[in-house]
Amino acid sequence: MPEQATKHDDLEMKVLEMAADVLKVLAHPYRLKIVELLTENRHSVGDLAERLDLAPNAVSQHLNQMKAHGILDVVRVGRTAYYHVTNPNASNVIKCIKQHGCGRQG
């Protein structure tokens, strides 16, 4: 018979709601790729646009949405803005995808 979960094992609804909010924002292939790239190193909009073969304004929209949800932050060096991951859970999502091969068809 399975052990019953103790009260402190249960996730609070508030925590689950926050996790769902972050997962909704990350649930886009380009956003996941951006997080992967920013986990490795900080990048500017131009760097990301070139690596993703996307228009800079499209990259900016993805970055702004993730920044608004506390996933990324920006550091300005002169006139250039460099983005980096601030929410370690976003990086953990990428690690999980890499480790478990989510979405791989064989």
N, C-alpha and C. Protein backbone atom coordinates (compact mmCIF):
# COMPACT_ATOMS: atom_id res chain seq x y z
N MET A 1 0.85 -1.18 0.00
CA MET A 1 0.00 0.00 0.00
C MET A 1 0.89 1.24 0.00
N PRO A 2 0.61 2.24 -0.86
CA PRO A 2 1.48 3.42 -0.92
C PRO A 2 1.38 4.26 0.34
N GLU A 3 2.51 4.86 0.66
CA GLU A 3 2.54 5.76 1.82
C GLU A 3 1.75 7.00 1.51
N GLN A 4 1.08 7.50 2.51
CA GLN A 4 0.35 8.76 2.32
C GLN A 4 1.34 9.91 2.39
N ALA A 5 1.11 10.90 1.54
CA ALA A 5 1.98 12.08 1.53
C ALA A 5 1.74 12.88 2.80
N THR A 6 2.81 13.39 3.34
CA THR A 6 2.66 14.26 4.50
C THR A 6 2.27 15.65 4.03
N LYS A 7 1.77 16.44 4.95
CA LYS A 7 1.28 17.78 4.61
C LYS A 7 2.37 18.62 3.94
N HIS A 8 3.62 18.53 4.39
CA HIS A 8 4.69 19.36 3.82
C HIS A 8 5.16 18.84 2.46
N ASP A 9 4.72 17.66 2.03
CA ASP A 9 5.05 17.16 0.70
C ASP A 9 4.15 17.76 -0.38
N ASP A 10 2.98 18.23 0.01
CA ASP A 10 2.03 18.80 -0.94
C ASP A 10 2.49 20.19 -1.37
N LEU A 11 2.36 20.44 -2.66
CA LEU A 11 2.69 21.76 -3.16
C LEU A 11 1.53 22.72 -2.91
N GLU A 12 1.85 23.90 -2.49
CA GLU A 12 0.83 24.92 -2.28
C GLU A 12 0.28 25.35 -3.63
N MET A 13 -1.00 25.66 -3.68
CA MET A 13 -1.62 26.11 -4.93
C MET A 13 -0.92 27.36 -5.48
N LYS A 14 -0.49 28.25 -4.62
CA LYS A 14 0.19 29.47 -5.06
C LYS A 14 1.47 29.11 -5.82
N VAL A 15 2.21 28.14 -5.32
CA VAL A 15 3.45 27.71 -5.98
C VAL A 15 3.11 27.09 -7.33
N LEU A 16 2.09 26.26 -7.39
CA LEU A 16 1.68 25.64 -8.64
C LEU A 16 1.21 26.67 -9.65
N GLU A 17 0.49 27.69 -9.19
CA GLU A 17 0.03 28.75 -10.08
C GLU A 17 1.20 29.53 -10.66
N MET A 18 2.21 29.82 -9.83
CA MET A 18 3.39 30.54 -10.32
C MET A 18 4.17 29.68 -11.31
N ALA A 19 4.29 28.38 -11.02
CA ALA A 19 4.99 27.47 -11.94
C ALA A 19 4.25 27.38 -13.27
N ALA A 20 2.93 27.29 -13.22
CA ALA A 20 2.13 27.22 -14.45
C ALA A 20 2.30 28.49 -15.27
N ASP A 21 2.37 29.63 -14.61
CA ASP A 21 2.54 30.91 -15.31
C ASP A 21 3.88 30.93 -16.05
N VAL A 22 4.94 30.50 -15.40
CA VAL A 22 6.26 30.46 -16.03
C VAL A 22 6.27 29.45 -17.18
N LEU A 23 5.66 28.29 -16.96
CA LEU A 23 5.63 27.27 -18.01
C LEU A 23 4.85 27.74 -19.23
N LYS A 24 3.78 28.49 -19.02
CA LYS A 24 3.02 29.04 -20.15
C LYS A 24 3.89 29.96 -20.99
N VAL A 25 4.68 30.78 -20.32
CA VAL A 25 5.55 31.72 -21.04
C VAL A 25 6.64 30.95 -21.80
N LEU A 26 7.17 29.91 -21.19
CA LEU A 26 8.25 29.14 -21.83
C LEU A 26 7.74 28.21 -22.92
N ALA A 27 6.45 28.00 -23.00
CA ALA A 27 5.88 27.02 -23.93
C ALA A 27 5.87 27.54 -25.37
N HIS A 28 7.04 27.88 -25.85
CA HIS A 28 7.22 28.33 -27.22
C HIS A 28 8.63 27.92 -27.64
N PRO A 29 8.79 27.31 -28.81
CA PRO A 29 10.12 26.82 -29.19
C PRO A 29 11.21 27.89 -29.20
N TYR A 30 10.91 29.08 -29.68
CA TYR A 30 11.93 30.12 -29.71
C TYR A 30 12.28 30.59 -28.30
N ARG A 31 11.30 30.66 -27.42
CA ARG A 31 11.60 31.07 -26.04
C ARG A 31 12.46 30.03 -25.34
N LEU A 32 12.17 28.77 -25.58
CA LEU A 32 13.01 27.72 -25.00
C LEU A 32 14.44 27.80 -25.53
N LYS A 33 14.59 28.05 -26.82
CA LYS A 33 15.93 28.17 -27.41
C LYS A 33 16.65 29.40 -26.84
N ILE A 34 15.92 30.49 -26.66
CA ILE A 34 16.52 31.70 -26.07
C ILE A 34 17.02 31.40 -24.67
N VAL A 35 16.21 30.71 -23.86
CA VAL A 35 16.63 30.36 -22.50
C VAL A 35 17.86 29.46 -22.56
N GLU A 36 17.88 28.51 -23.48
CA GLU A 36 19.05 27.65 -23.61
C GLU A 36 20.30 28.48 -23.91
N LEU A 37 20.20 29.40 -24.87
CA LEU A 37 21.35 30.24 -25.23
C LEU A 37 21.77 31.15 -24.09
N LEU A 38 20.79 31.70 -23.38
CA LEU A 38 21.10 32.63 -22.29
C LEU A 38 21.58 31.91 -21.03
N THR A 39 21.32 30.63 -20.93
CA THR A 39 21.85 29.85 -19.81
C THR A 39 23.36 29.67 -19.99
N GLU A 40 23.79 29.57 -21.24
CA GLU A 40 25.21 29.38 -21.55
C GLU A 40 25.99 30.68 -21.42
N ASN A 41 25.38 31.80 -21.83
CA ASN A 41 26.08 33.09 -21.85
C ASN A 41 25.06 34.19 -22.04
N ARG A 42 25.40 35.40 -21.66
CA ARG A 42 24.48 36.51 -21.92
C ARG A 42 24.62 36.94 -23.38
N HIS A 43 23.51 37.45 -23.94
CA HIS A 43 23.49 37.83 -25.34
C HIS A 43 22.67 39.10 -25.53
N SER A 44 22.97 39.82 -26.58
CA SER A 44 22.18 40.99 -26.98
C SER A 44 21.07 40.53 -27.91
N VAL A 45 20.13 41.43 -28.17
CA VAL A 45 19.04 41.13 -29.11
C VAL A 45 19.62 40.76 -30.47
N GLY A 46 20.60 41.53 -30.93
CA GLY A 46 21.21 41.27 -32.23
C GLY A 46 21.87 39.91 -32.31
N ASP A 47 22.59 39.54 -31.23
CA ASP A 47 23.23 38.21 -31.18
C ASP A 47 22.18 37.11 -31.30
N LEU A 48 21.11 37.25 -30.51
CA LEU A 48 20.06 36.23 -30.51
C LEU A 48 19.34 36.17 -31.85
N ALA A 49 19.06 37.34 -32.42
CA ALA A 49 18.38 37.38 -33.73
C ALA A 49 19.19 36.65 -34.78
N GLU A 50 20.49 36.85 -34.76
CA GLU A 50 21.36 36.18 -35.73
C GLU A 50 21.40 34.68 -35.50
N ARG A 51 21.53 34.27 -34.24
CA ARG A 51 21.60 32.83 -33.93
C ARG A 51 20.30 32.11 -34.24
N LEU A 52 19.17 32.83 -34.06
CA LEU A 52 17.85 32.21 -34.27
C LEU A 52 17.30 32.43 -35.67
N ASP A 53 17.98 33.26 -36.45
CA ASP A 53 17.51 33.63 -37.78
C ASP A 53 16.10 34.23 -37.70
N LEU A 54 15.94 35.15 -36.76
CA LEU A 54 14.68 35.87 -36.55
C LEU A 54 14.93 37.37 -36.65
N ALA A 55 13.90 38.11 -36.93
CA ALA A 55 14.01 39.57 -36.94
C ALA A 55 14.23 40.05 -35.49
N PRO A 56 15.06 41.07 -35.31
CA PRO A 56 15.32 41.59 -33.97
C PRO A 56 14.05 41.98 -33.20
N ASN A 57 13.04 42.54 -33.91
CA ASN A 57 11.83 42.93 -33.19
C ASN A 57 11.07 41.71 -32.66
N ALA A 58 11.13 40.57 -33.38
CA ALA A 58 10.50 39.34 -32.90
C ALA A 58 11.24 38.82 -31.66
N VAL A 59 12.55 38.86 -31.70
CA VAL A 59 13.35 38.44 -30.54
C VAL A 59 13.04 39.34 -29.35
N SER A 60 12.96 40.64 -29.59
CA SER A 60 12.66 41.59 -28.51
C SER A 60 11.31 41.28 -27.85
N GLN A 61 10.34 40.91 -28.64
CA GLN A 61 9.03 40.58 -28.08
C GLN A 61 9.12 39.35 -27.17
N HIS A 62 9.84 38.34 -27.61
CA HIS A 62 10.02 37.15 -26.77
C HIS A 62 10.77 37.52 -25.48
N LEU A 63 11.83 38.30 -25.60
CA LEU A 63 12.62 38.69 -24.44
C LEU A 63 11.78 39.51 -23.46
N ASN A 64 11.01 40.46 -23.97
CA ASN A 64 10.19 41.30 -23.11
C ASN A 64 9.15 40.50 -22.35
N GLN A 65 8.57 39.51 -23.00
CA GLN A 65 7.57 38.69 -22.33
C GLN A 65 8.22 37.87 -21.20
N MET A 66 9.38 37.31 -21.47
CA MET A 66 10.07 36.54 -20.43
C MET A 66 10.59 37.43 -19.31
N LYS A 67 11.03 38.62 -19.66
CA LYS A 67 11.49 39.57 -18.64
C LYS A 67 10.33 40.00 -17.75
N ALA A 68 9.17 40.22 -18.33
CA ALA A 68 7.99 40.63 -17.57
C ALA A 68 7.55 39.55 -16.56
N HIS A 69 7.90 38.30 -16.83
CA HIS A 69 7.53 37.21 -15.94
C HIS A 69 8.69 36.79 -15.02
N GLY A 70 9.75 37.58 -14.99
CA GLY A 70 10.84 37.32 -14.06
C GLY A 70 11.77 36.19 -14.46
N ILE A 71 11.73 35.80 -15.73
CA ILE A 71 12.59 34.71 -16.20
C ILE A 71 13.96 35.25 -16.60
N LEU A 72 13.98 36.44 -17.19
CA LEU A 72 15.21 37.07 -17.67
C LEU A 72 15.37 38.44 -17.03
N ASP A 73 16.59 38.93 -17.12
CA ASP A 73 16.88 40.31 -16.77
C ASP A 73 17.88 40.84 -17.78
N VAL A 74 18.09 42.14 -17.75
CA VAL A 74 18.94 42.79 -18.73
C VAL A 74 19.98 43.64 -18.01
N VAL A 75 21.19 43.67 -18.58
CA VAL A 75 22.27 44.53 -18.11
C VAL A 75 22.69 45.37 -19.30
N ARG A 76 22.76 46.67 -19.11
CA ARG A 76 23.17 47.56 -20.19
C ARG A 76 24.65 47.88 -20.07
N VAL A 77 25.33 47.73 -21.20
CA VAL A 77 26.74 48.10 -21.31
C VAL A 77 26.80 49.09 -22.46
N GLY A 78 26.94 50.36 -22.10
CA GLY A 78 26.85 51.40 -23.12
C GLY A 78 25.45 51.41 -23.70
N ARG A 79 25.35 51.30 -25.00
CA ARG A 79 24.04 51.31 -25.66
C ARG A 79 23.49 49.91 -25.90
N THR A 80 24.26 48.89 -25.53
CA THR A 80 23.85 47.52 -25.80
C THR A 80 23.25 46.89 -24.55
N ALA A 81 22.11 46.22 -24.72
CA ALA A 81 21.45 45.50 -23.64
C ALA A 81 21.78 44.02 -23.78
N TYR A 82 22.26 43.43 -22.70
CA TYR A 82 22.59 42.00 -22.67
C TYR A 82 21.62 41.30 -21.72
N TYR A 83 21.00 40.26 -22.23
CA TYR A 83 20.01 39.51 -21.44
C TYR A 83 20.65 38.27 -20.83
N HIS A 84 20.13 37.88 -19.67
CA HIS A 84 20.58 36.66 -19.00
C HIS A 84 19.43 36.08 -18.20
N VAL A 85 19.51 34.79 -17.92
CA VAL A 85 18.48 34.09 -17.18
C VAL A 85 18.63 34.41 -15.69
N THR A 86 17.52 34.80 -15.06
CA THR A 86 17.55 35.07 -13.62
C THR A 86 16.77 34.03 -12.83
N ASN A 87 15.88 33.31 -13.49
CA ASN A 87 15.08 32.30 -12.82
C ASN A 87 15.72 30.94 -13.09
N PRO A 88 16.35 30.34 -12.07
CA PRO A 88 17.03 29.07 -12.30
C PRO A 88 16.08 27.95 -12.74
N ASN A 89 14.82 28.09 -12.42
CA ASN A 89 13.86 27.06 -12.83
C ASN A 89 13.70 27.02 -14.35
N ALA A 90 13.88 28.15 -15.00
CA ALA A 90 13.82 28.17 -16.47
C ALA A 90 14.98 27.35 -17.04
N SER A 91 16.15 27.50 -16.45
CA SER A 91 17.30 26.70 -16.89
C SER A 91 17.07 25.22 -16.59
N ASN A 92 16.39 24.94 -15.48
CA ASN A 92 16.09 23.55 -15.13
C ASN A 92 15.15 22.90 -16.13
N VAL A 93 14.24 23.68 -16.70
CA VAL A 93 13.35 23.15 -17.74
C VAL A 93 14.18 22.69 -18.94
N ILE A 94 15.16 23.51 -19.33
CA ILE A 94 16.04 23.15 -20.45
C ILE A 94 16.83 21.88 -20.11
N LYS A 95 17.35 21.80 -18.89
CA LYS A 95 18.09 20.60 -18.47
C LYS A 95 17.20 19.37 -18.54
N CYS A 96 15.97 19.51 -18.09
CA CYS A 96 15.02 18.39 -18.12
C CYS A 96 14.77 17.94 -19.55
N ILE A 97 14.57 18.89 -20.44
CA ILE A 97 14.33 18.55 -21.85
C ILE A 97 15.54 17.82 -22.43
N LYS A 98 16.74 18.30 -22.11
CA LYS A 98 17.96 17.66 -22.62
C LYS A 98 18.13 16.26 -22.04
N GLN A 99 17.88 16.10 -20.75
CA GLN A 99 18.08 14.82 -20.09
C GLN A 99 17.07 13.77 -20.50
N HIS A 100 15.84 14.19 -20.71
CA HIS A 100 14.77 13.23 -20.95
C HIS A 100 14.33 13.16 -22.41
N GLY A 101 14.92 13.99 -23.24
CA GLY A 101 14.63 13.93 -24.67
C GLY A 101 13.18 14.19 -25.00
N CYS A 102 12.54 15.04 -24.24
CA CYS A 102 11.14 15.33 -24.46
C CYS A 102 10.91 15.73 -25.92
N GLY A 103 9.93 15.11 -26.53
CA GLY A 103 9.58 15.45 -27.89
C GLY A 103 10.35 14.73 -28.96
N ARG A 104 11.33 13.92 -28.58
CA ARG A 104 12.10 13.18 -29.58
C ARG A 104 11.27 12.04 -30.12
N GLN A 105 11.32 11.93 -31.41
CA GLN A 105 10.63 10.81 -32.05
C GLN A 105 11.69 9.89 -32.62
N GLY A 106 11.47 8.61 -32.46
CA GLY A 106 12.52 7.74 -32.77
C GLY A 106 12.57 6.91 -33.89
